[in-house]
Amino acid sequence: MRQLRMRKTPLSDLPGVQLPEGFALRRATEADRAGILAVLAECFPESEWTLDKVAAEILGIPGSLGTFVVEKELAIVACATAVVWPDHPDEGYVHYVGVLAEARGNGLGYWVSVAVLHAFAAHGLRVSVLDTDNHRLSAISIYLKLGFEPHMIEDDHVE
């Protein structure tokens, strides 16, 4: 498993968010910790998520422009965070995009990522980056569709 860095510029060509019927997008609040935990624990179990870790590394992360959640019937089924790292103030970082298995196939990873990109554009940024694992092919497909370009540094990245 290797990390793949992807970059998108400019951020001026973004589609509007159009979720499928029955889903709603909004900014997360502190009260959403448990719902975000459920998504991240399922999607990234290797990171050993806890409520405190969600509070510190998602909702309270320095440089956050917000965490966006998608709900269905008041349950959080997807999330992503928009971050501007203090040491990279000119680029937005797409942080932990996740969708519960039960909600996959509805384009939610795409739409929650679009919401993050809109947050960057509203903040005046022109560049967005992200890191993903090279085995997360469905995520990579979404990022390519959004106009991200991979920075291939390993021999297996082309594949």
N, C-alpha and C. Protein backbone atom coordinates (compact mmCIF):
# COMPACT_ATOMS: atom_id res chain seq x y z
N MET A 1 0.85 -1.18 0.00
CA MET A 1 0.00 0.00 0.00
C MET A 1 0.89 1.24 0.00
N ARG A 2 0.66 2.11 -0.96
CA ARG A 2 1.45 3.32 -1.07
C ARG A 2 0.55 4.52 -1.20
N GLN A 3 1.06 5.66 -0.77
CA GLN A 3 0.33 6.91 -0.89
C GLN A 3 0.47 7.49 -2.29
N LEU A 4 -0.59 8.07 -2.77
CA LEU A 4 -0.62 8.76 -4.05
C LEU A 4 -1.04 10.20 -3.78
N ARG A 5 -0.24 11.16 -4.21
CA ARG A 5 -0.55 12.59 -4.07
C ARG A 5 -1.25 13.04 -5.35
N MET A 6 -2.36 13.77 -5.20
CA MET A 6 -3.09 14.30 -6.34
C MET A 6 -3.30 15.79 -6.15
N ARG A 7 -3.40 16.52 -7.26
CA ARG A 7 -3.48 17.99 -7.22
C ARG A 7 -4.51 18.47 -8.24
N LYS A 8 -5.27 19.49 -7.86
CA LYS A 8 -6.25 20.10 -8.75
C LYS A 8 -6.05 21.61 -8.76
N THR A 9 -5.98 22.15 -9.95
CA THR A 9 -5.95 23.59 -10.15
C THR A 9 -6.49 23.86 -11.55
N PRO A 10 -7.29 24.85 -11.77
CA PRO A 10 -7.81 25.81 -10.80
C PRO A 10 -9.05 25.27 -10.10
N LEU A 11 -9.58 26.05 -9.20
CA LEU A 11 -10.81 25.67 -8.48
C LEU A 11 -12.00 26.51 -8.97
N SER A 12 -11.89 27.03 -10.17
CA SER A 12 -12.94 27.90 -10.70
C SER A 12 -13.97 27.15 -11.55
N ASP A 13 -13.74 25.88 -11.81
CA ASP A 13 -14.60 25.11 -12.72
C ASP A 13 -15.43 24.06 -11.98
N LEU A 14 -15.92 24.40 -10.81
CA LEU A 14 -16.59 23.42 -9.95
C LEU A 14 -18.08 23.32 -10.26
N PRO A 15 -18.60 22.09 -10.27
CA PRO A 15 -20.05 21.95 -10.43
C PRO A 15 -20.76 22.32 -9.12
N GLY A 16 -22.03 22.64 -9.22
CA GLY A 16 -22.83 22.82 -8.02
C GLY A 16 -23.11 21.46 -7.40
N VAL A 17 -23.36 21.43 -6.11
CA VAL A 17 -23.64 20.17 -5.42
C VAL A 17 -25.09 19.76 -5.70
N GLN A 18 -25.27 18.55 -6.19
CA GLN A 18 -26.59 18.03 -6.53
C GLN A 18 -26.71 16.61 -6.00
N LEU A 19 -27.06 16.50 -4.75
CA LEU A 19 -27.18 15.18 -4.13
C LEU A 19 -28.42 14.44 -4.64
N PRO A 20 -28.37 13.12 -4.64
CA PRO A 20 -29.55 12.35 -4.98
C PRO A 20 -30.68 12.61 -3.96
N GLU A 21 -31.88 12.37 -4.39
CA GLU A 21 -33.03 12.57 -3.51
C GLU A 21 -32.89 11.73 -2.24
N GLY A 22 -33.25 12.32 -1.12
CA GLY A 22 -33.19 11.63 0.17
C GLY A 22 -31.91 11.90 0.94
N PHE A 23 -30.95 12.59 0.34
CA PHE A 23 -29.69 12.91 0.99
C PHE A 23 -29.58 14.42 1.19
N ALA A 24 -28.92 14.83 2.26
CA ALA A 24 -28.72 16.25 2.55
C ALA A 24 -27.27 16.49 2.94
N LEU A 25 -26.72 17.61 2.49
CA LEU A 25 -25.36 18.00 2.80
C LEU A 25 -25.39 19.18 3.75
N ARG A 26 -24.50 19.17 4.74
CA ARG A 26 -24.37 20.30 5.66
C ARG A 26 -22.99 20.27 6.30
N ARG A 27 -22.66 21.38 6.96
CA ARG A 27 -21.43 21.44 7.75
C ARG A 27 -21.65 20.70 9.06
N ALA A 28 -20.63 19.99 9.47
CA ALA A 28 -20.70 19.23 10.71
C ALA A 28 -20.57 20.15 11.93
N THR A 29 -21.10 19.69 13.02
CA THR A 29 -20.94 20.35 14.32
C THR A 29 -20.33 19.34 15.29
N GLU A 30 -20.00 19.82 16.45
CA GLU A 30 -19.45 18.95 17.50
C GLU A 30 -20.39 17.79 17.83
N ALA A 31 -21.68 18.02 17.69
CA ALA A 31 -22.67 16.98 17.97
C ALA A 31 -22.61 15.82 16.98
N ASP A 32 -21.89 15.98 15.89
CA ASP A 32 -21.80 14.95 14.86
C ASP A 32 -20.64 13.98 15.05
N ARG A 33 -19.93 14.08 16.16
CA ARG A 33 -18.74 13.23 16.36
C ARG A 33 -19.03 11.75 16.18
N ALA A 34 -20.11 11.26 16.76
CA ALA A 34 -20.39 9.83 16.69
C ALA A 34 -20.69 9.39 15.25
N GLY A 35 -21.42 10.20 14.51
CA GLY A 35 -21.72 9.86 13.12
C GLY A 35 -20.48 9.87 12.25
N ILE A 36 -19.62 10.86 12.46
CA ILE A 36 -18.36 10.92 11.71
C ILE A 36 -17.48 9.74 12.10
N LEU A 37 -17.45 9.43 13.39
CA LEU A 37 -16.68 8.27 13.85
C LEU A 37 -17.12 6.99 13.14
N ALA A 38 -18.43 6.79 12.99
CA ALA A 38 -18.93 5.58 12.33
C ALA A 38 -18.42 5.49 10.89
N VAL A 39 -18.43 6.63 10.17
CA VAL A 39 -17.96 6.63 8.79
C VAL A 39 -16.46 6.35 8.73
N LEU A 40 -15.69 7.09 9.52
CA LEU A 40 -14.23 6.93 9.46
C LEU A 40 -13.77 5.58 9.96
N ALA A 41 -14.41 5.05 10.99
CA ALA A 41 -14.03 3.73 11.52
C ALA A 41 -14.27 2.64 10.48
N GLU A 42 -15.34 2.77 9.69
CA GLU A 42 -15.61 1.78 8.65
C GLU A 42 -14.66 1.95 7.46
N CYS A 43 -14.43 3.18 7.05
CA CYS A 43 -13.65 3.45 5.85
C CYS A 43 -12.14 3.39 6.06
N PHE A 44 -11.71 3.74 7.27
CA PHE A 44 -10.27 3.80 7.59
C PHE A 44 -10.00 3.09 8.92
N PRO A 45 -10.29 1.79 9.02
CA PRO A 45 -10.13 1.10 10.30
C PRO A 45 -8.69 1.06 10.80
N GLU A 46 -7.73 1.16 9.88
CA GLU A 46 -6.33 1.14 10.27
C GLU A 46 -5.94 2.35 11.11
N SER A 47 -6.75 3.40 11.09
CA SER A 47 -6.44 4.62 11.85
C SER A 47 -6.98 4.58 13.28
N GLU A 48 -7.71 3.55 13.63
CA GLU A 48 -8.20 3.35 15.00
C GLU A 48 -8.89 4.60 15.55
N TRP A 49 -10.01 4.97 14.92
CA TRP A 49 -10.75 6.18 15.28
C TRP A 49 -11.46 6.04 16.62
N THR A 50 -11.49 7.13 17.37
CA THR A 50 -12.25 7.26 18.62
C THR A 50 -12.96 8.60 18.58
N LEU A 51 -13.89 8.82 19.50
CA LEU A 51 -14.57 10.12 19.57
C LEU A 51 -13.57 11.25 19.81
N ASP A 52 -12.59 11.03 20.66
CA ASP A 52 -11.59 12.06 20.93
C ASP A 52 -10.73 12.33 19.71
N LYS A 53 -10.40 11.28 18.97
CA LYS A 53 -9.59 11.47 17.77
C LYS A 53 -10.37 12.24 16.70
N VAL A 54 -11.66 11.96 16.56
CA VAL A 54 -12.50 12.72 15.63
C VAL A 54 -12.52 14.19 16.03
N ALA A 55 -12.66 14.45 17.33
CA ALA A 55 -12.69 15.83 17.82
C ALA A 55 -11.39 16.55 17.51
N ALA A 56 -10.27 15.88 17.71
CA ALA A 56 -8.97 16.52 17.53
C ALA A 56 -8.51 16.58 16.08
N GLU A 57 -8.69 15.48 15.33
CA GLU A 57 -8.08 15.38 14.00
C GLU A 57 -9.04 15.66 12.85
N ILE A 58 -10.31 15.85 13.17
CA ILE A 58 -11.29 16.19 12.13
C ILE A 58 -11.98 17.51 12.48
N LEU A 59 -12.76 17.52 13.53
CA LEU A 59 -13.53 18.72 13.87
C LEU A 59 -12.69 19.85 14.44
N GLY A 60 -11.60 19.52 15.11
CA GLY A 60 -10.78 20.55 15.74
C GLY A 60 -9.41 20.71 15.13
N ILE A 61 -9.22 20.20 13.94
CA ILE A 61 -7.90 20.24 13.33
C ILE A 61 -7.53 21.69 12.98
N PRO A 62 -6.33 22.12 13.31
CA PRO A 62 -5.91 23.48 12.95
C PRO A 62 -5.95 23.69 11.44
N GLY A 63 -6.49 24.81 11.02
CA GLY A 63 -6.58 25.13 9.61
C GLY A 63 -7.84 24.63 8.94
N SER A 64 -8.76 24.05 9.71
CA SER A 64 -9.99 23.52 9.12
C SER A 64 -10.88 24.63 8.60
N LEU A 65 -11.42 24.41 7.41
CA LEU A 65 -12.46 25.28 6.85
C LEU A 65 -13.82 24.63 7.00
N GLY A 66 -13.85 23.50 7.67
CA GLY A 66 -15.11 22.82 7.94
C GLY A 66 -15.08 21.37 7.52
N THR A 67 -15.86 20.59 8.22
CA THR A 67 -16.12 19.21 7.84
C THR A 67 -17.53 19.17 7.28
N PHE A 68 -17.69 18.49 6.18
CA PHE A 68 -18.99 18.39 5.53
C PHE A 68 -19.50 16.97 5.69
N VAL A 69 -20.79 16.85 6.00
CA VAL A 69 -21.40 15.54 6.16
C VAL A 69 -22.60 15.43 5.24
N VAL A 70 -22.85 14.21 4.81
CA VAL A 70 -24.06 13.89 4.06
C VAL A 70 -24.91 13.02 4.96
N GLU A 71 -26.17 13.36 5.05
CA GLU A 71 -27.11 12.61 5.89
C GLU A 71 -28.18 11.96 5.03
N LYS A 72 -28.66 10.85 5.54
CA LYS A 72 -29.86 10.20 5.02
C LYS A 72 -30.69 9.82 6.23
N GLU A 73 -31.89 10.33 6.28
CA GLU A 73 -32.78 10.07 7.42
C GLU A 73 -32.09 10.40 8.74
N LEU A 74 -31.42 11.55 8.76
CA LEU A 74 -30.73 12.11 9.93
C LEU A 74 -29.50 11.31 10.39
N ALA A 75 -29.10 10.31 9.63
CA ALA A 75 -27.89 9.56 9.96
C ALA A 75 -26.78 9.97 9.00
N ILE A 76 -25.60 10.21 9.54
CA ILE A 76 -24.45 10.59 8.71
C ILE A 76 -23.95 9.36 7.95
N VAL A 77 -23.85 9.51 6.62
CA VAL A 77 -23.41 8.40 5.78
C VAL A 77 -22.14 8.73 5.00
N ALA A 78 -21.71 10.00 5.02
CA ALA A 78 -20.49 10.40 4.32
C ALA A 78 -19.92 11.65 4.96
N CYS A 79 -18.60 11.83 4.82
CA CYS A 79 -17.98 13.03 5.37
C CYS A 79 -16.67 13.32 4.64
N ALA A 80 -16.24 14.57 4.74
CA ALA A 80 -14.94 15.01 4.23
C ALA A 80 -14.63 16.34 4.90
N THR A 81 -13.34 16.62 5.09
CA THR A 81 -12.91 17.85 5.75
C THR A 81 -12.04 18.67 4.82
N ALA A 82 -12.24 19.99 4.88
CA ALA A 82 -11.44 20.95 4.13
C ALA A 82 -10.42 21.56 5.08
N VAL A 83 -9.14 21.43 4.76
CA VAL A 83 -8.08 21.91 5.64
C VAL A 83 -7.09 22.76 4.84
N VAL A 84 -6.62 23.82 5.46
CA VAL A 84 -5.50 24.58 4.93
C VAL A 84 -4.39 24.45 5.97
N TRP A 85 -3.40 23.64 5.65
CA TRP A 85 -2.30 23.41 6.59
C TRP A 85 -1.52 24.71 6.78
N PRO A 86 -1.15 25.04 8.02
CA PRO A 86 -0.41 26.28 8.27
C PRO A 86 0.88 26.42 7.46
N ASP A 87 1.55 25.31 7.16
CA ASP A 87 2.79 25.38 6.39
C ASP A 87 2.56 25.38 4.87
N HIS A 88 1.29 25.31 4.43
CA HIS A 88 0.92 25.38 3.01
C HIS A 88 -0.33 26.26 2.86
N PRO A 89 -0.22 27.55 3.17
CA PRO A 89 -1.41 28.41 3.22
C PRO A 89 -2.05 28.72 1.87
N ASP A 90 -1.41 28.34 0.77
CA ASP A 90 -1.95 28.64 -0.55
C ASP A 90 -2.67 27.47 -1.21
N GLU A 91 -2.80 26.36 -0.48
CA GLU A 91 -3.48 25.21 -1.07
C GLU A 91 -4.39 24.54 -0.05
N GLY A 92 -5.52 24.08 -0.54
CA GLY A 92 -6.46 23.35 0.31
C GLY A 92 -6.15 21.87 0.28
N TYR A 93 -6.38 21.22 1.39
CA TYR A 93 -6.11 19.79 1.51
C TYR A 93 -7.43 19.06 1.77
N VAL A 94 -7.78 18.13 0.89
CA VAL A 94 -8.98 17.30 1.05
C VAL A 94 -8.62 16.19 2.04
N HIS A 95 -9.30 16.18 3.18
CA HIS A 95 -8.91 15.35 4.32
C HIS A 95 -10.00 14.33 4.64
N TYR A 96 -9.66 13.05 4.58
CA TYR A 96 -10.52 11.94 4.97
C TYR A 96 -11.92 11.99 4.37
N VAL A 97 -12.02 11.63 3.11
CA VAL A 97 -13.32 11.46 2.46
C VAL A 97 -13.76 10.02 2.72
N GLY A 98 -14.95 9.86 3.26
CA GLY A 98 -15.45 8.52 3.54
C GLY A 98 -16.95 8.41 3.31
N VAL A 99 -17.38 7.24 2.87
CA VAL A 99 -18.80 6.96 2.65
C VAL A 99 -19.09 5.57 3.21
N LEU A 100 -20.13 5.45 4.02
CA LEU A 100 -20.51 4.14 4.54
C LEU A 100 -20.88 3.20 3.40
N ALA A 101 -20.57 1.92 3.56
CA ALA A 101 -20.85 0.92 2.52
C ALA A 101 -22.32 0.93 2.12
N GLU A 102 -23.20 1.10 3.07
CA GLU A 102 -24.64 1.07 2.79
C GLU A 102 -25.10 2.22 1.88
N ALA A 103 -24.30 3.28 1.78
CA ALA A 103 -24.68 4.45 0.98
C ALA A 103 -23.85 4.58 -0.30
N ARG A 104 -22.92 3.68 -0.52
CA ARG A 104 -22.08 3.77 -1.72
C ARG A 104 -22.91 3.53 -2.97
N GLY A 105 -22.41 4.06 -4.08
CA GLY A 105 -23.12 3.92 -5.34
C GLY A 105 -24.05 5.08 -5.63
N ASN A 106 -24.07 6.08 -4.75
CA ASN A 106 -24.93 7.26 -4.93
C ASN A 106 -24.14 8.52 -5.28
N GLY A 107 -22.84 8.38 -5.50
CA GLY A 107 -22.03 9.54 -5.84
C GLY A 107 -21.70 10.44 -4.66
N LEU A 108 -21.87 9.96 -3.45
CA LEU A 108 -21.70 10.80 -2.27
C LEU A 108 -20.25 11.21 -2.04
N GLY A 109 -19.30 10.35 -2.35
CA GLY A 109 -17.89 10.72 -2.24
C GLY A 109 -17.56 11.88 -3.17
N TYR A 110 -18.13 11.85 -4.35
CA TYR A 110 -17.95 12.93 -5.32
C TYR A 110 -18.54 14.23 -4.77
N TRP A 111 -19.79 14.18 -4.31
CA TRP A 111 -20.47 15.40 -3.89
C TRP A 111 -19.90 16.00 -2.62
N VAL A 112 -19.49 15.18 -1.68
CA VAL A 112 -18.89 15.73 -0.46
C VAL A 112 -17.51 16.32 -0.78
N SER A 113 -16.82 15.75 -1.76
CA SER A 113 -15.55 16.32 -2.21
C SER A 113 -15.78 17.66 -2.91
N VAL A 114 -16.83 17.76 -3.70
CA VAL A 114 -17.18 19.03 -4.36
C VAL A 114 -17.44 20.10 -3.30
N ALA A 115 -18.13 19.74 -2.23
CA ALA A 115 -18.40 20.71 -1.15
C ALA A 115 -17.09 21.21 -0.55
N VAL A 116 -16.14 20.33 -0.35
CA VAL A 116 -14.82 20.73 0.17
C VAL A 116 -14.14 21.68 -0.81
N LEU A 117 -14.18 21.37 -2.09
CA LEU A 117 -13.54 22.22 -3.09
C LEU A 117 -14.20 23.61 -3.13
N HIS A 118 -15.50 23.66 -2.97
CA HIS A 118 -16.19 24.96 -2.90
C HIS A 118 -15.72 25.76 -1.68
N ALA A 119 -15.47 25.09 -0.58
CA ALA A 119 -14.97 25.79 0.62
C ALA A 119 -13.60 26.40 0.33
N PHE A 120 -12.76 25.67 -0.38
CA PHE A 120 -11.44 26.21 -0.75
C PHE A 120 -11.58 27.42 -1.67
N ALA A 121 -12.44 27.31 -2.68
CA ALA A 121 -12.64 28.42 -3.61
C ALA A 121 -13.18 29.65 -2.88
N ALA A 122 -14.11 29.45 -1.96
CA ALA A 122 -14.67 30.57 -1.20
C ALA A 122 -13.61 31.22 -0.32
N HIS A 123 -12.62 30.46 0.06
CA HIS A 123 -11.50 30.95 0.89
C HIS A 123 -10.44 31.64 0.03
N GLY A 124 -10.65 31.65 -1.29
CA GLY A 124 -9.72 32.31 -2.19
C GLY A 124 -8.58 31.45 -2.70
N LEU A 125 -8.67 30.15 -2.47
CA LEU A 125 -7.61 29.25 -2.91
C LEU A 125 -7.82 28.85 -4.37
N ARG A 126 -6.71 28.56 -5.04
CA ARG A 126 -6.76 28.13 -6.44
C ARG A 126 -6.25 26.70 -6.63
N VAL A 127 -5.71 26.11 -5.56
CA VAL A 127 -5.09 24.78 -5.64
C VAL A 127 -5.62 23.90 -4.52
N SER A 128 -5.86 22.65 -4.86
CA SER A 128 -6.25 21.66 -3.86
C SER A 128 -5.39 20.42 -4.06
N VAL A 129 -5.01 19.80 -2.96
CA VAL A 129 -4.24 18.56 -3.00
C VAL A 129 -4.90 17.53 -2.08
N LEU A 130 -4.53 16.29 -2.28
CA LEU A 130 -4.98 15.22 -1.40
C LEU A 130 -4.00 14.08 -1.50
N ASP A 131 -4.05 13.23 -0.52
CA ASP A 131 -3.30 11.98 -0.54
C ASP A 131 -4.30 10.85 -0.41
N THR A 132 -4.07 9.80 -1.16
CA THR A 132 -4.91 8.61 -1.04
C THR A 132 -4.02 7.40 -1.19
N ASP A 133 -4.53 6.26 -0.81
CA ASP A 133 -3.80 5.02 -0.98
C ASP A 133 -4.00 4.54 -2.42
N ASN A 134 -2.95 4.02 -3.03
CA ASN A 134 -3.04 3.63 -4.43
C ASN A 134 -4.00 2.46 -4.66
N HIS A 135 -4.44 1.77 -3.62
CA HIS A 135 -5.41 0.68 -3.80
C HIS A 135 -6.86 1.16 -3.72
N ARG A 136 -7.10 2.41 -3.39
CA ARG A 136 -8.46 2.95 -3.28
C ARG A 136 -8.92 3.44 -4.66
N LEU A 137 -9.18 2.48 -5.53
CA LEU A 137 -9.46 2.79 -6.93
C LEU A 137 -10.75 3.59 -7.12
N SER A 138 -11.77 3.32 -6.34
CA SER A 138 -13.01 4.09 -6.50
C SER A 138 -12.79 5.55 -6.10
N ALA A 139 -11.99 5.78 -5.07
CA ALA A 139 -11.67 7.16 -4.67
C ALA A 139 -10.84 7.85 -5.75
N ILE A 140 -9.86 7.16 -6.27
CA ILE A 140 -9.02 7.73 -7.32
C ILE A 140 -9.87 8.08 -8.54
N SER A 141 -10.82 7.23 -8.88
CA SER A 141 -11.72 7.51 -10.00
C SER A 141 -12.51 8.79 -9.77
N ILE A 142 -12.99 9.00 -8.55
CA ILE A 142 -13.72 10.23 -8.21
C ILE A 142 -12.81 11.43 -8.37
N TYR A 143 -11.61 11.34 -7.85
CA TYR A 143 -10.69 12.48 -7.90
C TYR A 143 -10.30 12.81 -9.33
N LEU A 144 -10.12 11.80 -10.17
CA LEU A 144 -9.82 12.05 -11.58
C LEU A 144 -11.00 12.75 -12.25
N LYS A 145 -12.21 12.30 -11.94
CA LYS A 145 -13.42 12.92 -12.50
C LYS A 145 -13.52 14.39 -12.08
N LEU A 146 -13.05 14.72 -10.89
CA LEU A 146 -13.08 16.10 -10.39
C LEU A 146 -11.95 16.96 -10.98
N GLY A 147 -11.04 16.33 -11.73
CA GLY A 147 -9.96 17.08 -12.35
C GLY A 147 -8.65 17.05 -11.60
N PHE A 148 -8.54 16.20 -10.59
CA PHE A 148 -7.26 16.05 -9.91
C PHE A 148 -6.31 15.30 -10.83
N GLU A 149 -5.05 15.67 -10.75
CA GLU A 149 -4.02 14.98 -11.52
C GLU A 149 -3.07 14.29 -10.55
N PRO A 150 -2.78 13.01 -10.81
CA PRO A 150 -1.88 12.28 -9.92
C PRO A 150 -0.43 12.71 -10.09
N HIS A 151 0.27 12.70 -9.00
CA HIS A 151 1.72 12.92 -9.00
C HIS A 151 2.33 11.54 -8.79
N MET A 152 2.71 10.90 -9.89
CA MET A 152 3.16 9.52 -9.84
C MET A 152 4.64 9.45 -9.55
N ILE A 153 4.96 8.91 -8.39
CA ILE A 153 6.35 8.83 -8.00
C ILE A 153 6.82 7.37 -7.81
N GLU A 154 5.86 6.46 -7.80
CA GLU A 154 6.20 5.04 -7.64
C GLU A 154 5.89 4.30 -8.94
N ASP A 155 6.61 3.22 -9.21
CA ASP A 155 6.41 2.46 -10.44
C ASP A 155 4.99 1.94 -10.60
N ASP A 156 4.31 1.56 -9.50
CA ASP A 156 2.98 0.98 -9.61
C ASP A 156 1.86 2.02 -9.66
N HIS A 157 2.17 3.30 -9.58
CA HIS A 157 1.14 4.34 -9.62
C HIS A 157 0.46 4.40 -10.99
N VAL A 158 1.19 4.22 -12.07
CA VAL A 158 0.59 4.26 -13.40
C VAL A 158 -0.49 3.21 -13.52
N GLU A 159 -0.20 2.01 -13.03
CA GLU A 159 -1.18 0.93 -13.06
C GLU A 159 -2.42 1.32 -12.30
